[in-house]
Amino acid sequence: MLPSITDVTPDGLRERERERERERERERERERERERERERERAREREREREREREREREREREREREREREREREREREREREREREREREREREREREW
C-alpha cells in the first residue's frame, strides 16, 4: 500500500518524526521509572537487611543477658553452698564444744 499524500509532505514527515521522538521519550521515561522502581526495591531490601541485623543484635543481647543471669544464679548457688559450709562448720564447732 502506498503512503497517503499527507504522509510524504514535509509537514507529514515532520509530524511522523515528532511522533517517533515522542514515543522514544515515552520509552525513556518508562525506563527511568523502571530504574526508579529498581532503586526503591534495592532500598527496601537494604532496610530489610538492616532490620534483620538489628534483630540478630537484639537476639545476641538477649543471649548475653541470659548468660549473665545464669552466672548470677551460679554465684548465688556458690554463696548458698559457702553459707551451708559455714553452718556445718559452726555445727561441728558446737559439737566439739559439747564434747569438751
N, C-alpha and C. Protein backbone atom coordinates (compact mmCIF):
# COMPACT_ATOMS: atom_id res chain seq x y z
N MET A 1 0.84 -1.17 0.00
CA MET A 1 0.00 0.00 0.00
C MET A 1 0.88 1.24 0.00
N LEU A 2 0.52 2.18 -0.81
CA LEU A 2 1.30 3.41 -0.91
C LEU A 2 0.95 4.35 0.24
N PRO A 3 1.94 5.11 0.69
CA PRO A 3 1.62 6.09 1.73
C PRO A 3 0.68 7.15 1.18
N SER A 4 -0.10 7.71 2.07
CA SER A 4 -1.00 8.75 1.60
C SER A 4 -0.19 10.00 1.32
N ILE A 5 -0.75 10.89 0.58
CA ILE A 5 -0.04 12.10 0.19
C ILE A 5 0.36 12.93 1.41
N THR A 6 -0.48 12.89 2.45
CA THR A 6 -0.13 13.69 3.64
C THR A 6 1.06 13.10 4.36
N ASP A 7 1.32 11.78 4.20
CA ASP A 7 2.45 11.17 4.88
C ASP A 7 3.78 11.57 4.26
N VAL A 8 3.79 11.96 3.01
CA VAL A 8 5.06 12.27 2.35
C VAL A 8 5.28 13.76 2.17
N THR A 9 4.35 14.59 2.58
CA THR A 9 4.58 16.03 2.51
C THR A 9 5.58 16.39 3.60
N PRO A 10 6.28 17.49 3.46
CA PRO A 10 7.23 17.89 4.51
C PRO A 10 6.56 17.97 5.88
N ASP A 11 5.34 18.53 5.94
CA ASP A 11 4.66 18.60 7.24
C ASP A 11 4.34 17.20 7.77
N GLY A 12 3.89 16.32 6.89
CA GLY A 12 3.57 14.95 7.31
C GLY A 12 4.81 14.22 7.80
N LEU A 13 5.94 14.41 7.09
CA LEU A 13 7.19 13.77 7.51
C LEU A 13 7.64 14.30 8.87
N ARG A 14 7.56 15.64 9.03
CA ARG A 14 7.95 16.24 10.32
C ARG A 14 7.04 15.71 11.44
N GLU A 15 5.75 15.58 11.17
CA GLU A 15 4.82 15.09 12.20
C GLU A 15 5.15 13.64 12.57
N ARG A 16 5.44 12.83 11.57
CA ARG A 16 5.81 11.44 11.88
C ARG A 16 7.09 11.39 12.71
N GLU A 17 8.07 12.24 12.36
CA GLU A 17 9.32 12.28 13.13
C GLU A 17 9.06 12.76 14.55
N ARG A 18 8.19 13.77 14.71
CA ARG A 18 7.86 14.24 16.07
C ARG A 18 7.18 13.12 16.85
N GLU A 19 6.30 12.37 16.20
CA GLU A 19 5.61 11.26 16.89
C GLU A 19 6.62 10.19 17.30
N ARG A 20 7.56 9.87 16.40
CA ARG A 20 8.60 8.90 16.77
C ARG A 20 9.42 9.43 17.95
N GLU A 21 9.75 10.71 17.95
CA GLU A 21 10.51 11.29 19.06
C GLU A 21 9.71 11.25 20.35
N ARG A 22 8.40 11.54 20.28
CA ARG A 22 7.56 11.45 21.48
C ARG A 22 7.54 10.01 22.00
N GLU A 23 7.46 9.06 21.09
CA GLU A 23 7.46 7.65 21.51
C GLU A 23 8.81 7.29 22.15
N ARG A 24 9.91 7.74 21.58
CA ARG A 24 11.23 7.48 22.19
C ARG A 24 11.28 8.11 23.58
N GLU A 25 10.76 9.33 23.72
CA GLU A 25 10.75 10.00 25.03
C GLU A 25 9.89 9.22 26.02
N ARG A 26 8.73 8.73 25.57
CA ARG A 26 7.89 7.93 26.47
C ARG A 26 8.64 6.67 26.90
N GLU A 27 9.34 6.05 25.98
CA GLU A 27 10.12 4.85 26.32
C GLU A 27 11.24 5.20 27.30
N ARG A 28 11.92 6.31 27.09
CA ARG A 28 12.97 6.72 28.05
C ARG A 28 12.35 6.95 29.43
N GLU A 29 11.18 7.59 29.45
CA GLU A 29 10.50 7.84 30.74
C GLU A 29 10.11 6.53 31.40
N ARG A 30 9.60 5.57 30.60
CA ARG A 30 9.26 4.26 31.18
C ARG A 30 10.52 3.60 31.74
N GLU A 31 11.64 3.72 31.04
CA GLU A 31 12.89 3.13 31.53
C GLU A 31 13.35 3.84 32.81
N ARG A 32 13.23 5.16 32.85
CA ARG A 32 13.60 5.88 34.08
C ARG A 32 12.71 5.41 35.23
N GLU A 33 11.42 5.23 34.96
CA GLU A 33 10.50 4.77 36.02
C GLU A 33 10.87 3.35 36.47
N ARG A 34 11.23 2.48 35.52
CA ARG A 34 11.66 1.13 35.90
C ARG A 34 12.92 1.21 36.77
N GLU A 35 13.84 2.09 36.41
CA GLU A 35 15.07 2.25 37.20
C GLU A 35 14.75 2.79 38.59
N ARG A 36 13.84 3.75 38.67
CA ARG A 36 13.45 4.27 39.99
C ARG A 36 12.83 3.15 40.82
N GLU A 37 12.01 2.31 40.20
CA GLU A 37 11.39 1.19 40.93
C GLU A 37 12.45 0.20 41.39
N ARG A 38 13.43 -0.09 40.52
CA ARG A 38 14.52 -0.99 40.94
C ARG A 38 15.27 -0.38 42.13
N GLU A 39 15.51 0.93 42.08
CA GLU A 39 16.22 1.58 43.20
C GLU A 39 15.38 1.53 44.47
N ARG A 40 14.07 1.74 44.34
CA ARG A 40 13.20 1.63 45.53
C ARG A 40 13.26 0.22 46.10
N GLU A 41 13.26 -0.77 45.22
CA GLU A 41 13.33 -2.17 45.68
C GLU A 41 14.67 -2.43 46.37
N ARG A 42 15.76 -1.91 45.80
CA ARG A 42 17.07 -2.09 46.45
C ARG A 42 17.05 -1.42 47.83
N ALA A 43 16.45 -0.23 47.92
CA ALA A 43 16.38 0.47 49.22
C ALA A 43 15.55 -0.35 50.21
N ARG A 44 14.43 -0.91 49.74
CA ARG A 44 13.61 -1.75 50.64
C ARG A 44 14.41 -2.96 51.10
N GLU A 45 15.17 -3.55 50.21
CA GLU A 45 15.97 -4.73 50.57
C GLU A 45 17.06 -4.33 51.58
N ARG A 46 17.69 -3.18 51.36
CA ARG A 46 18.70 -2.74 52.33
C ARG A 46 18.05 -2.53 53.69
N GLU A 47 16.87 -1.95 53.73
CA GLU A 47 16.17 -1.72 55.00
C GLU A 47 15.80 -3.06 55.66
N ARG A 48 15.34 -4.02 54.84
CA ARG A 48 15.03 -5.34 55.41
C ARG A 48 16.29 -5.97 56.00
N GLU A 49 17.41 -5.82 55.31
CA GLU A 49 18.66 -6.39 55.81
C GLU A 49 19.08 -5.69 57.10
N ARG A 50 18.94 -4.37 57.15
CA ARG A 50 19.27 -3.66 58.40
C ARG A 50 18.37 -4.15 59.53
N GLU A 51 17.11 -4.36 59.25
CA GLU A 51 16.18 -4.84 60.30
C GLU A 51 16.57 -6.25 60.75
N ARG A 52 16.95 -7.11 59.79
CA ARG A 52 17.40 -8.46 60.18
C ARG A 52 18.64 -8.36 61.06
N GLU A 53 19.55 -7.47 60.72
CA GLU A 53 20.77 -7.31 61.53
C GLU A 53 20.42 -6.77 62.92
N ARG A 54 19.50 -5.82 62.99
CA ARG A 54 19.09 -5.31 64.31
C ARG A 54 18.47 -6.44 65.13
N GLU A 55 17.67 -7.28 64.49
CA GLU A 55 17.04 -8.41 65.21
C GLU A 55 18.11 -9.39 65.68
N ARG A 56 19.10 -9.67 64.82
CA ARG A 56 20.19 -10.56 65.25
C ARG A 56 20.92 -9.95 66.45
N GLU A 57 21.15 -8.64 66.42
CA GLU A 57 21.84 -7.99 67.55
C GLU A 57 20.98 -8.06 68.81
N ARG A 58 19.67 -7.83 68.67
CA ARG A 58 18.80 -7.94 69.84
C ARG A 58 18.85 -9.36 70.41
N GLU A 59 18.87 -10.35 69.53
CA GLU A 59 18.93 -11.75 69.99
C GLU A 59 20.26 -12.01 70.69
N ARG A 60 21.36 -11.49 70.14
CA ARG A 60 22.66 -11.67 70.81
C ARG A 60 22.63 -11.01 72.19
N GLU A 61 22.02 -9.83 72.28
CA GLU A 61 21.94 -9.14 73.58
C GLU A 61 21.09 -9.94 74.56
N ARG A 62 19.96 -10.49 74.07
CA ARG A 62 19.14 -11.33 74.95
C ARG A 62 19.94 -12.53 75.44
N GLU A 63 20.72 -13.13 74.56
CA GLU A 63 21.54 -14.29 74.95
C GLU A 63 22.60 -13.87 75.97
N ARG A 64 23.22 -12.71 75.75
CA ARG A 64 24.21 -12.24 76.74
C ARG A 64 23.52 -12.02 78.09
N GLU A 65 22.33 -11.46 78.08
CA GLU A 65 21.60 -11.22 79.34
C GLU A 65 21.26 -12.55 80.01
N ARG A 66 20.82 -13.54 79.21
CA ARG A 66 20.53 -14.86 79.80
C ARG A 66 21.80 -15.44 80.42
N GLU A 67 22.93 -15.27 79.74
CA GLU A 67 24.19 -15.80 80.27
C GLU A 67 24.57 -15.07 81.56
N ARG A 68 24.39 -13.75 81.58
CA ARG A 68 24.68 -13.02 82.83
C ARG A 68 23.78 -13.51 83.95
N GLU A 69 22.52 -13.76 83.65
CA GLU A 69 21.58 -14.26 84.67
C GLU A 69 22.01 -15.64 85.15
N ARG A 70 22.42 -16.51 84.22
CA ARG A 70 22.90 -17.83 84.64
C ARG A 70 24.13 -17.68 85.55
N GLU A 71 25.01 -16.76 85.19
CA GLU A 71 26.21 -16.55 86.02
C GLU A 71 25.82 -16.02 87.39
N ARG A 72 24.87 -15.10 87.44
CA ARG A 72 24.42 -14.61 88.76
C ARG A 72 23.82 -15.75 89.57
N GLU A 73 23.06 -16.61 88.92
CA GLU A 73 22.46 -17.76 89.63
C GLU A 73 23.55 -18.70 90.13
N ARG A 74 24.56 -18.95 89.30
CA ARG A 74 25.67 -19.81 89.77
C ARG A 74 26.36 -19.16 90.98
N GLU A 75 26.55 -17.85 90.92
CA GLU A 75 27.19 -17.16 92.05
C GLU A 75 26.32 -17.25 93.29
N ARG A 76 25.01 -17.09 93.15
CA ARG A 76 24.11 -17.24 94.32
C ARG A 76 24.21 -18.66 94.87
N GLU A 77 24.27 -19.64 93.98
CA GLU A 77 24.38 -21.04 94.43
C GLU A 77 25.70 -21.25 95.16
N ARG A 78 26.78 -20.70 94.63
CA ARG A 78 28.07 -20.83 95.33
C ARG A 78 28.00 -20.18 96.71
N GLU A 79 27.35 -19.02 96.78
CA GLU A 79 27.21 -18.34 98.07
C GLU A 79 26.37 -19.18 99.03
N ARG A 80 25.29 -19.77 98.54
CA ARG A 80 24.48 -20.64 99.42
C ARG A 80 25.32 -21.83 99.90
N GLU A 81 26.11 -22.37 99.00
CA GLU A 81 26.97 -23.51 99.38
C GLU A 81 27.99 -23.07 100.43
N ARG A 82 28.59 -21.91 100.25
CA ARG A 82 29.53 -21.41 101.27
C ARG A 82 28.82 -21.23 102.61
N GLU A 83 27.61 -20.70 102.55
CA GLU A 83 26.84 -20.50 103.79
C GLU A 83 26.53 -21.85 104.44
N ARG A 84 26.14 -22.84 103.64
CA ARG A 84 25.90 -24.17 104.22
C ARG A 84 27.18 -24.72 104.84
N GLU A 85 28.29 -24.51 104.16
CA GLU A 85 29.57 -24.99 104.69
C GLU A 85 29.90 -24.28 106.01
N ARG A 86 29.67 -22.98 106.06
CA ARG A 86 29.92 -22.25 107.33
C ARG A 86 29.00 -22.80 108.42
N GLU A 87 27.76 -23.07 108.06
CA GLU A 87 26.81 -23.61 109.05
C GLU A 87 27.28 -24.99 109.53
N ARG A 88 27.73 -25.83 108.61
CA ARG A 88 28.25 -27.14 109.03
C ARG A 88 29.47 -26.96 109.94
N GLU A 89 30.32 -26.01 109.59
CA GLU A 89 31.49 -25.75 110.43
C GLU A 89 31.07 -25.28 111.81
N ARG A 90 30.09 -24.40 111.89
CA ARG A 90 29.60 -23.95 113.20
C ARG A 90 29.02 -25.14 113.98
N GLU A 91 28.30 -25.98 113.25
CA GLU A 91 27.71 -27.17 113.90
C GLU A 91 28.82 -28.07 114.44
N ARG A 92 29.86 -28.30 113.67
CA ARG A 92 30.98 -29.12 114.15
C ARG A 92 31.64 -28.47 115.36
N GLU A 93 31.76 -27.15 115.29
CA GLU A 93 32.35 -26.42 116.42
C GLU A 93 31.49 -26.60 117.67
N ARG A 94 30.19 -26.49 117.54
CA ARG A 94 29.30 -26.70 118.69
C ARG A 94 29.43 -28.13 119.20
N GLU A 95 29.54 -29.09 118.26
CA GLU A 95 29.73 -30.49 118.67
C GLU A 95 31.00 -30.65 119.49
N ARG A 96 32.07 -30.06 119.02
CA ARG A 96 33.34 -30.17 119.75
C ARG A 96 33.21 -29.54 121.13
N GLU A 97 32.53 -28.41 121.18
CA GLU A 97 32.36 -27.76 122.49
C GLU A 97 31.53 -28.63 123.43
N ARG A 98 30.52 -29.30 122.90
CA ARG A 98 29.72 -30.18 123.76
C ARG A 98 30.55 -31.37 124.23
N GLU A 99 31.42 -31.84 123.38
CA GLU A 99 32.25 -32.99 123.76
C GLU A 99 33.22 -32.61 124.86
N TRP A 100 33.56 -31.38 124.95
CA TRP A 100 34.51 -30.97 125.99
C TRP A 100 33.78 -30.97 127.26
